[in-house]
C-alpha cells in the first residue's frame, strides 16, 4: 500500500534507545519500504491512550496477533476501535482459523498450508511434500488475501459510510489460492498422486531441465502448437516420443529424451534457440543473475492514471506508468536496511495529527506516551 501512496505507520514495542540520538537497530522485518514506526508501550495507560487518539484519524488498522490479543490490550475492534472511528477498517490476520482446534496454537507458513490441504499437493512423485518457502501461506494466502479483504471493505465503506472488521487467515487463504488444483483432482488433469499430474511436475513438457552448464530451462508447452514449437527447437522428431504426448505411458520416454537433449547445450545456447518463439521454453533465472543484469523491480500492478512509486532509481523524471513515477528506493529494491523502532514516526505524527514532542506526547521508557 505504501508503494501506491498510503501513509503506513508500524507500531513497535518500546526500546530504551528509541527516539534518541543513537537509535536501536532495525527489526528483522524487511518489508518496510516507505513506512515509518513509533514505539509504544501498549500495556501502559499513556501508551494505550496515544493509540486511541490516533484511531479516529486513520483508515485501516492491521492486527497481526493471535485471536484475543487485541481485546486483552483494551483495543477490542467492535467495542472500542469502531466506536472511536465508525469508518475504520480493522483487518485481522491470523495463521490458523479463529475457530477450531488450531486457533490457540503457534504455527508458521508450512503448518498453515499443511492443514489447508495445499502442502499435500506439492512435491515430486514418491517423495515427501515440499514446502515452497513461505510464499503460499504468509504472502499469497495471508497478506494478499487480507489486502483483498481491506479493499472490499473500503468499497463497502464508500457506499454506506461505515467501516468493519475484516478477518483473514492463512489456512482459508491458501486453500482459496489452490481452488483450481483442488477442483482439478476430480478430473484427469490432477487426479493421480502427487507429482504425477500435468501441472505438478509429473508431465515432461511442463517441467524444468538441467543444461550442459548446470543451469536450468523451464518448459510449459501444454498446447499442441506450443508443443510443436518446443520439439522443433529441440530438433526432436514427434514420432520418436512413443505415441501421443498426452498418454502418460509415454511420459517416461519423453522425459528421458528431453533430459538428454537439454544436457547437450548450455542454457545460453538454448535461450538463443527459444527466444522469440512460442515454445513456452524460458531460462530459470536466479535473483542474483537478475540483479547483476540490471533487471528493474517494478510496482506489482500498473495504474495508468495514478501510477505507484517506482522501486528502481532513475534519472528520468517522466517514466512510463509501468515503472512507477517518483523516486526509487535503496539498492533498487534488491536489499533493504529495515526499519528501527521509532524511525520516521514523529514526522508522520506531525503530518497526520499536527503533534509535537512535549506537547501532545512525551518519550517515556523508550516509547511514546500521550499527554492528557
Protein backbone atom coordinates (compact mmCIF):
# COMPACT_ATOMS: atom_id res chain seq x y z
CA UNK A 1 0.00 0.00 0.00
CA UNK A 2 2.88 2.36 0.75
CA UNK A 3 4.14 1.91 -2.82
CA UNK A 4 0.86 3.44 -4.00
CA UNK A 5 0.79 6.45 -1.71
CA UNK A 6 -0.64 5.13 1.54
CA UNK A 7 0.94 6.50 4.71
CA UNK A 8 1.85 3.42 6.73
CA UNK A 9 2.82 3.55 10.41
CA UNK A 10 4.12 0.45 12.21
CA UNK A 11 3.64 0.26 15.99
CA UNK A 12 6.66 -1.34 17.65
CA UNK A 13 7.49 -2.42 21.17
CA UNK A 14 9.36 0.07 23.30
CA UNK A 15 13.13 0.16 23.16
CA UNK A 16 15.45 2.09 25.51
CA UNK A 17 17.27 3.62 22.51
CA UNK A 18 14.13 4.60 20.61
CA UNK A 19 13.72 8.34 19.96
CA UNK A 20 17.33 9.04 20.96
CA UNK A 21 20.35 10.29 19.04
CA UNK A 22 21.59 6.67 18.91
CA UNK A 23 18.57 4.75 17.64
CA UNK A 24 18.15 0.99 18.10
CA UNK A 25 18.97 -1.50 15.33
CA UNK A 26 16.38 -2.28 12.72
CA UNK A 27 13.96 -5.09 13.45
CA UNK A 28 14.01 -8.33 11.46
CA UNK A 29 11.13 -7.09 9.29
CA UNK A 30 12.47 -6.35 5.79
CA UNK A 31 9.16 -5.32 4.22
CA UNK A 32 9.45 -1.72 5.36
CA UNK A 33 9.71 0.27 2.16
CA UNK A 34 8.28 3.80 2.57
CA UNK A 35 6.97 3.03 6.07
CA UNK A 36 7.51 4.72 9.43
CA UNK A 37 7.50 3.47 13.03
CA UNK A 38 6.59 4.55 16.53
CA UNK A 39 7.45 2.62 19.68
CA UNK A 40 4.62 2.43 22.21
CA UNK A 41 4.07 0.59 25.49
CA UNK A 42 0.54 -0.64 24.85
CA UNK A 43 0.39 -2.04 28.40
CA UNK A 44 0.65 1.45 29.87
CA UNK A 45 -2.26 3.84 30.25
CA UNK A 46 -0.43 6.63 28.39
CA UNK A 47 0.62 4.34 25.55
CA UNK A 48 -2.87 2.96 25.08
CA UNK A 49 -4.27 6.49 25.19
CA UNK A 50 -1.92 7.51 22.39
CA UNK A 51 -3.13 4.67 20.16
CA UNK A 52 -6.74 5.61 20.86
CA UNK A 53 -6.06 9.22 19.93
CA UNK A 54 -4.73 8.09 16.55
CA UNK A 55 -7.63 5.78 15.73
CA UNK A 56 -10.16 8.49 14.70
CA UNK A 57 -7.69 9.77 12.09
CA UNK A 58 -6.79 6.52 10.33
CA UNK A 59 -8.44 4.46 7.59
CA UNK A 60 -7.08 0.96 8.25
CA UNK A 61 -5.65 -0.80 11.30
CA UNK A 62 -3.95 -4.15 10.73
CA UNK A 63 -3.98 -6.63 13.63
CA UNK A 64 -1.30 -9.36 13.17
CA UNK A 65 -1.82 -11.06 16.55
CA UNK A 66 -3.41 -14.32 17.59
CA UNK A 67 -7.12 -14.24 18.50
CA UNK A 68 -7.84 -12.32 21.69
CA UNK A 69 -4.62 -10.30 21.93
CA UNK A 70 -6.15 -7.03 20.73
CA UNK A 71 -9.05 -7.48 23.16
CA UNK A 72 -6.68 -8.04 26.08
CA UNK A 73 -4.82 -4.87 25.13
CA UNK A 74 -8.04 -2.93 25.57
CA UNK A 75 -8.49 -2.40 21.83
CA UNK A 76 -11.49 -4.61 21.10
CA UNK A 77 -12.32 -3.95 17.44
CA UNK A 78 -16.09 -3.69 17.71
CA UNK A 79 -16.49 -2.40 21.27
CA UNK A 80 -13.60 0.08 21.27
CA UNK A 81 -11.99 0.79 17.89
CA UNK A 82 -15.13 1.08 15.75
CA UNK A 83 -16.76 3.20 18.42
CA UNK A 84 -13.80 5.59 18.27
CA UNK A 85 -13.92 5.62 14.47
CA UNK A 86 -17.01 4.12 12.80
CA UNK A 87 -15.29 4.40 9.39
CA UNK A 88 -12.26 2.35 10.45
CA UNK A 89 -11.33 -0.91 8.68
CA UNK A 90 -9.86 -3.33 11.25
CA UNK A 91 -8.02 -6.04 9.32
CA UNK A 92 -7.21 -9.06 11.47
CA UNK A 93 -4.85 -11.67 10.05
CA UNK A 94 -4.04 -14.96 11.73
CA UNK A 95 -2.25 -18.11 10.62
CA UNK A 96 -4.83 -20.70 11.67
CA UNK A 97 -8.57 -20.10 11.61
CA UNK A 98 -10.02 -18.13 14.51
CA UNK A 99 -12.03 -21.19 15.46
CA UNK A 100 -11.27 -24.92 15.57
CA UNK A 101 -8.60 -26.95 17.33
CA UNK A 102 -5.61 -25.00 16.00
CA UNK A 103 -6.82 -21.48 16.89
CA UNK A 104 -4.64 -21.07 20.01
CA UNK A 105 -1.57 -22.86 18.64
CA UNK A 106 1.63 -21.34 17.33
CA UNK A 107 2.43 -22.05 13.70
CA UNK A 108 4.27 -20.97 10.58
CA UNK A 109 3.55 -20.98 6.85
CA UNK A 110 4.33 -24.70 6.49
CA UNK A 111 1.76 -25.56 9.20
CA UNK A 112 -1.00 -23.41 7.72
CA UNK A 113 -0.68 -24.83 4.20
CA UNK A 114 -0.35 -28.30 5.71
CA UNK A 115 -3.77 -28.24 7.40
CA UNK A 116 -5.34 -26.46 4.41
CA UNK A 117 -4.56 -29.47 2.19
CA UNK A 118 -2.33 -27.44 -0.13
CA UNK A 119 1.02 -28.82 1.05
CA UNK A 120 -0.06 -32.38 0.30
CA UNK A 121 -0.23 -31.48 -3.40
CA UNK A 122 3.31 -30.12 -3.70
CA UNK A 123 6.36 -32.24 -4.39
CA UNK A 124 7.78 -34.95 -6.61
CA UNK A 125 6.23 -38.37 -7.01
CA UNK A 126 7.32 -40.82 -4.33
CA UNK A 127 8.83 -38.05 -2.21
CA UNK A 128 7.58 -36.16 0.84
CA UNK A 129 5.56 -32.96 0.39
CA UNK A 130 7.69 -29.94 -0.48
CA UNK A 131 7.12 -26.55 1.15
CA UNK A 132 7.65 -23.69 -1.36
CA UNK A 133 9.31 -21.27 1.06
CA UNK A 134 6.78 -19.09 2.87
CA UNK A 135 5.23 -17.71 -0.29
CA UNK A 136 1.94 -19.61 -0.36
CA UNK A 137 0.76 -19.13 3.22
CA UNK A 138 2.33 -15.94 4.51
CA UNK A 139 2.20 -13.83 1.39
CA UNK A 140 -0.37 -15.27 -1.04
CA UNK A 141 -2.90 -16.84 1.33
CA UNK A 142 -2.16 -14.36 4.10
CA UNK A 143 -1.05 -10.90 3.07
CA UNK A 144 -2.62 -10.80 -0.40
CA UNK A 145 -5.94 -12.20 0.82
CA UNK A 146 -6.03 -9.79 3.76
CA UNK A 147 -5.31 -6.94 1.35
CA UNK A 148 -8.21 -8.09 -0.81
CA UNK A 149 -10.46 -8.02 2.25
CA UNK A 150 -9.35 -4.47 3.04
CA UNK A 151 -10.17 -3.33 -0.49
CA UNK A 152 -13.61 -4.97 -0.33
CA UNK A 153 -14.29 -3.23 2.99
CA UNK A 154 -13.19 0.12 1.55
CA UNK A 155 -15.58 -0.34 -1.38
CA UNK A 156 -18.37 -1.07 1.09
CA UNK A 157 -17.44 2.00 3.15
CA UNK A 158 -17.68 4.19 0.05
CA UNK A 159 -21.27 3.02 -0.38
CA UNK A 160 -22.51 3.04 3.20
CA UNK A 161 -20.02 5.21 5.09
CA UNK A 162 -19.12 2.61 7.71
CA UNK A 163 -16.02 0.56 8.37
CA UNK A 164 -15.97 -3.02 9.60
CA UNK A 165 -13.82 -5.85 10.88
CA UNK A 166 -12.05 -7.94 8.22
CA UNK A 167 -10.81 -11.38 9.30
CA UNK A 168 -8.33 -13.30 7.16
CA UNK A 169 -6.33 -16.43 7.92
CA UNK A 170 -3.64 -18.30 6.03
CA UNK A 171 -5.44 -21.63 6.09
CA UNK A 172 -8.52 -20.44 4.21
CA UNK A 173 -6.45 -18.02 2.15
CA UNK A 174 -4.04 -20.66 0.87
CA UNK A 175 -6.92 -23.09 0.30
CA UNK A 176 -8.65 -20.44 -1.80
CA UNK A 177 -5.49 -19.84 -3.81
CA UNK A 178 -5.42 -23.58 -4.53
CA UNK A 179 -9.07 -23.77 -5.65
CA UNK A 180 -8.18 -24.70 -9.23
CA UNK A 181 -5.92 -27.68 -8.37
CA UNK A 182 -8.35 -28.82 -5.67
CA UNK A 183 -11.21 -28.94 -8.15
CA UNK A 184 -8.90 -30.46 -10.77
CA UNK A 185 -8.35 -33.51 -8.54
CA UNK A 186 -11.81 -34.61 -9.67
CA UNK A 187 -10.70 -34.88 -13.31
CA UNK A 188 -7.70 -36.36 -15.16
CA UNK A 189 -5.63 -33.15 -15.02
CA UNK A 190 -4.77 -33.68 -11.33
CA UNK A 191 -6.34 -36.97 -10.27
CA UNK A 192 -3.18 -39.03 -9.70
CA UNK A 193 -0.80 -39.00 -6.76
CA UNK A 194 1.41 -36.01 -6.03
CA UNK A 195 4.00 -35.33 -8.71
CA UNK A 196 2.22 -37.42 -11.36
CA UNK A 197 -0.07 -34.84 -12.92
CA UNK A 198 0.08 -32.29 -15.70
CA UNK A 199 0.90 -29.21 -13.61
CA UNK A 200 2.73 -30.59 -10.58
CA UNK A 201 5.94 -31.84 -12.18
CA UNK A 202 4.62 -35.13 -13.49
CA UNK A 203 4.25 -34.02 -17.10
CA UNK A 204 7.53 -33.97 -19.08
CA UNK A 205 6.54 -30.96 -21.16
CA UNK A 206 5.66 -28.95 -18.05
CA UNK A 207 8.86 -29.20 -16.04
CA UNK A 208 12.42 -27.95 -15.69
CA UNK A 209 15.57 -29.42 -17.25
CA UNK A 210 19.25 -29.09 -16.48
CA UNK A 211 21.50 -27.75 -19.20
CA UNK A 212 25.11 -28.55 -20.06
CA UNK A 213 26.47 -25.84 -17.75
CA UNK A 214 24.42 -26.88 -14.71
CA UNK A 215 21.72 -24.27 -15.19
CA UNK A 216 18.07 -24.84 -15.98
CA UNK A 217 15.37 -24.24 -18.56
CA UNK A 218 11.63 -24.25 -17.86
CA UNK A 219 9.10 -25.84 -20.20
CA UNK A 220 5.36 -25.19 -20.30
CA UNK A 221 4.40 -26.44 -23.76
CA UNK A 222 0.88 -27.58 -22.92
CA UNK A 223 -0.99 -26.64 -26.09
CA UNK A 224 -0.33 -28.62 -29.26
CA UNK A 225 1.02 -25.68 -31.26
CA UNK A 226 3.41 -24.74 -28.45
CA UNK A 227 4.49 -28.35 -28.07
CA UNK A 228 5.27 -28.50 -31.80
CA UNK A 229 7.44 -25.39 -31.47
CA UNK A 230 9.15 -26.95 -28.45
CA UNK A 231 10.05 -30.15 -30.34
CA UNK A 232 11.22 -28.07 -33.28
CA UNK A 233 13.61 -26.14 -31.07
CA UNK A 234 14.96 -29.36 -29.59
CA UNK A 235 15.21 -30.87 -33.08
CA UNK A 236 13.20 -33.90 -31.98
CA UNK A 237 11.05 -35.96 -34.34
CA UNK A 238 7.45 -36.05 -32.98
CA UNK A 239 7.27 -39.75 -33.84
CA UNK A 240 10.16 -40.55 -31.51
CA UNK A 241 8.28 -39.90 -28.27
CA UNK A 242 6.48 -43.23 -28.31
CA UNK A 243 2.91 -42.16 -29.02
CA UNK A 244 0.54 -39.38 -28.11
CA UNK A 245 2.15 -36.78 -25.88
CA UNK A 246 -0.88 -36.73 -23.52
CA UNK A 247 -0.60 -40.51 -22.93
CA UNK A 248 1.08 -40.92 -19.55
CA UNK A 249 2.62 -44.17 -20.78
CA UNK A 250 4.86 -42.04 -22.99
CA UNK A 251 5.89 -39.63 -20.25
CA UNK A 252 8.95 -41.58 -19.03
CA UNK A 253 10.24 -41.84 -22.62
CA UNK A 254 9.61 -38.17 -23.27
CA UNK A 255 11.34 -37.12 -20.06
CA UNK A 256 14.39 -39.22 -20.90
CA UNK A 257 14.62 -37.70 -24.38
CA UNK A 258 14.23 -34.10 -23.18
CA UNK A 259 16.66 -34.61 -20.29
CA UNK A 260 19.39 -35.87 -22.62
CA UNK A 261 18.77 -33.19 -25.23
CA UNK A 262 18.92 -30.26 -22.82
CA UNK A 263 22.23 -31.58 -21.48
CA UNK A 264 23.72 -31.18 -24.99
CA UNK A 265 23.85 -27.36 -24.85
CA UNK A 266 24.37 -24.56 -22.36
CA UNK A 267 21.47 -22.52 -21.13
CA UNK A 268 22.64 -19.52 -23.13
CA UNK A 269 22.50 -21.56 -26.34
CA UNK A 270 19.02 -22.84 -25.52
CA UNK A 271 17.93 -19.27 -24.82
CA UNK A 272 19.15 -18.22 -28.27
CA UNK A 273 17.14 -21.06 -29.80
CA UNK A 274 13.88 -20.44 -27.96
CA UNK A 275 13.84 -16.67 -27.53
CA UNK A 276 11.14 -15.15 -29.70
CA UNK A 277 9.35 -18.47 -30.25
CA UNK A 278 6.04 -19.81 -28.95
CA UNK A 279 7.61 -22.92 -27.47
CA UNK A 280 6.95 -21.80 -23.87
CA UNK A 281 10.56 -22.54 -23.03
CA UNK A 282 12.45 -19.98 -20.96
CA UNK A 283 15.53 -19.88 -18.72
CA UNK A 284 15.27 -20.32 -14.95
CA UNK A 285 16.94 -17.10 -13.86
CA UNK A 286 18.29 -16.64 -10.35
CA UNK A 287 17.75 -13.50 -8.30
CA UNK A 288 21.49 -12.87 -8.36
CA UNK A 289 21.53 -13.03 -12.17
CA UNK A 290 18.64 -10.61 -12.43
CA UNK A 291 20.22 -8.13 -10.05
CA UNK A 292 23.59 -8.29 -11.80
CA UNK A 293 21.94 -7.94 -15.20
CA UNK A 294 20.10 -4.77 -14.26
CA UNK A 295 16.60 -6.23 -14.13
CA UNK A 296 14.37 -3.44 -12.81
CA UNK A 297 11.99 -4.18 -9.96
CA UNK A 298 8.62 -2.54 -10.66
CA UNK A 299 5.33 -1.82 -8.88
CA UNK A 300 3.26 -5.01 -8.80
CA UNK A 301 0.44 -3.57 -10.90
CA UNK A 302 0.28 -0.65 -13.33
CA UNK A 303 -2.26 2.09 -12.71
CA UNK A 304 -2.14 4.14 -15.90
CA UNK A 305 -3.72 7.30 -14.44
CA UNK A 306 -2.30 7.07 -10.90
CA UNK A 307 0.95 5.10 -11.07
CA UNK A 308 2.63 3.73 -7.99
CA UNK A 309 6.02 4.88 -6.78
CA UNK A 310 8.99 3.33 -8.58
CA UNK A 311 11.30 0.80 -6.99
CA UNK A 312 14.31 1.18 -9.27
CA UNK A 313 16.11 4.52 -9.18
CA UNK A 314 16.40 6.52 -12.38
CA UNK A 315 17.40 9.95 -13.60
CA UNK A 316 14.29 10.07 -15.76
CA UNK A 317 11.56 12.33 -14.40
CA UNK A 318 8.78 11.11 -16.67
CA UNK A 319 8.92 7.33 -16.64
CA UNK A 320 6.21 5.08 -18.08
CA UNK A 321 3.47 4.18 -15.56
CA UNK A 322 4.62 0.55 -15.53
CA UNK A 323 7.94 1.64 -14.00
CA UNK A 324 6.34 3.90 -11.40
CA UNK A 325 6.81 7.62 -11.00
CA UNK A 326 8.87 9.47 -8.41
CA UNK A 327 12.00 8.46 -6.52
CA UNK A 328 13.23 4.88 -6.32
CA UNK A 329 14.42 3.10 -3.19
CA UNK A 330 17.63 1.77 -1.68
CA UNK A 331 19.54 -0.64 -3.92
CA UNK A 332 16.71 -0.56 -6.47
CA UNK A 333 14.68 -2.89 -4.28
CA UNK A 334 17.24 -5.71 -4.18
CA UNK A 335 18.01 -5.24 -0.48
CA UNK A 336 16.57 -3.37 2.47
CA UNK A 337 18.04 -1.86 5.61
CA UNK A 338 14.86 -2.46 7.59
CA UNK A 339 13.13 -0.08 9.97
CA UNK A 340 14.17 0.63 13.53
CA UNK A 341 11.60 1.32 16.29
CA UNK A 342 10.67 4.98 16.13
CA UNK A 343 12.13 5.66 12.68
CA UNK A 344 10.25 8.45 10.93
CA UNK A 345 7.29 8.15 13.28
CA UNK A 346 7.42 11.60 14.83
CA UNK A 347 7.48 13.26 11.40
CA UNK A 348 4.43 11.25 10.46
CA UNK A 349 2.60 12.22 13.66
CA UNK A 350 3.30 15.85 12.88
CA UNK A 351 1.90 15.35 9.38
CA UNK A 352 -1.14 13.31 10.47
CA UNK A 353 -2.04 14.96 13.73
CA UNK A 354 -0.07 18.20 13.98
CA UNK A 355 1.58 16.81 17.12
CA UNK A 356 4.91 17.82 18.60
CA UNK A 357 7.01 16.12 21.25
CA UNK A 358 6.48 17.73 24.65
CA UNK A 359 3.00 18.94 23.78
CA UNK A 360 0.69 16.08 22.82
CA UNK A 361 3.16 13.33 23.74
CA UNK A 362 6.46 12.64 25.51
CA UNK A 363 9.05 9.90 25.36
CA UNK A 364 8.78 7.63 28.39
CA UNK A 365 10.72 4.41 28.97
CA UNK A 366 11.60 4.02 25.30
CA UNK A 367 8.13 4.67 23.95
CA UNK A 368 5.70 7.46 23.17
CA UNK A 369 3.18 8.37 25.85
CA UNK A 370 0.15 10.60 25.38
CA UNK A 371 -0.07 13.77 27.44
CA UNK A 372 -3.61 14.47 28.59
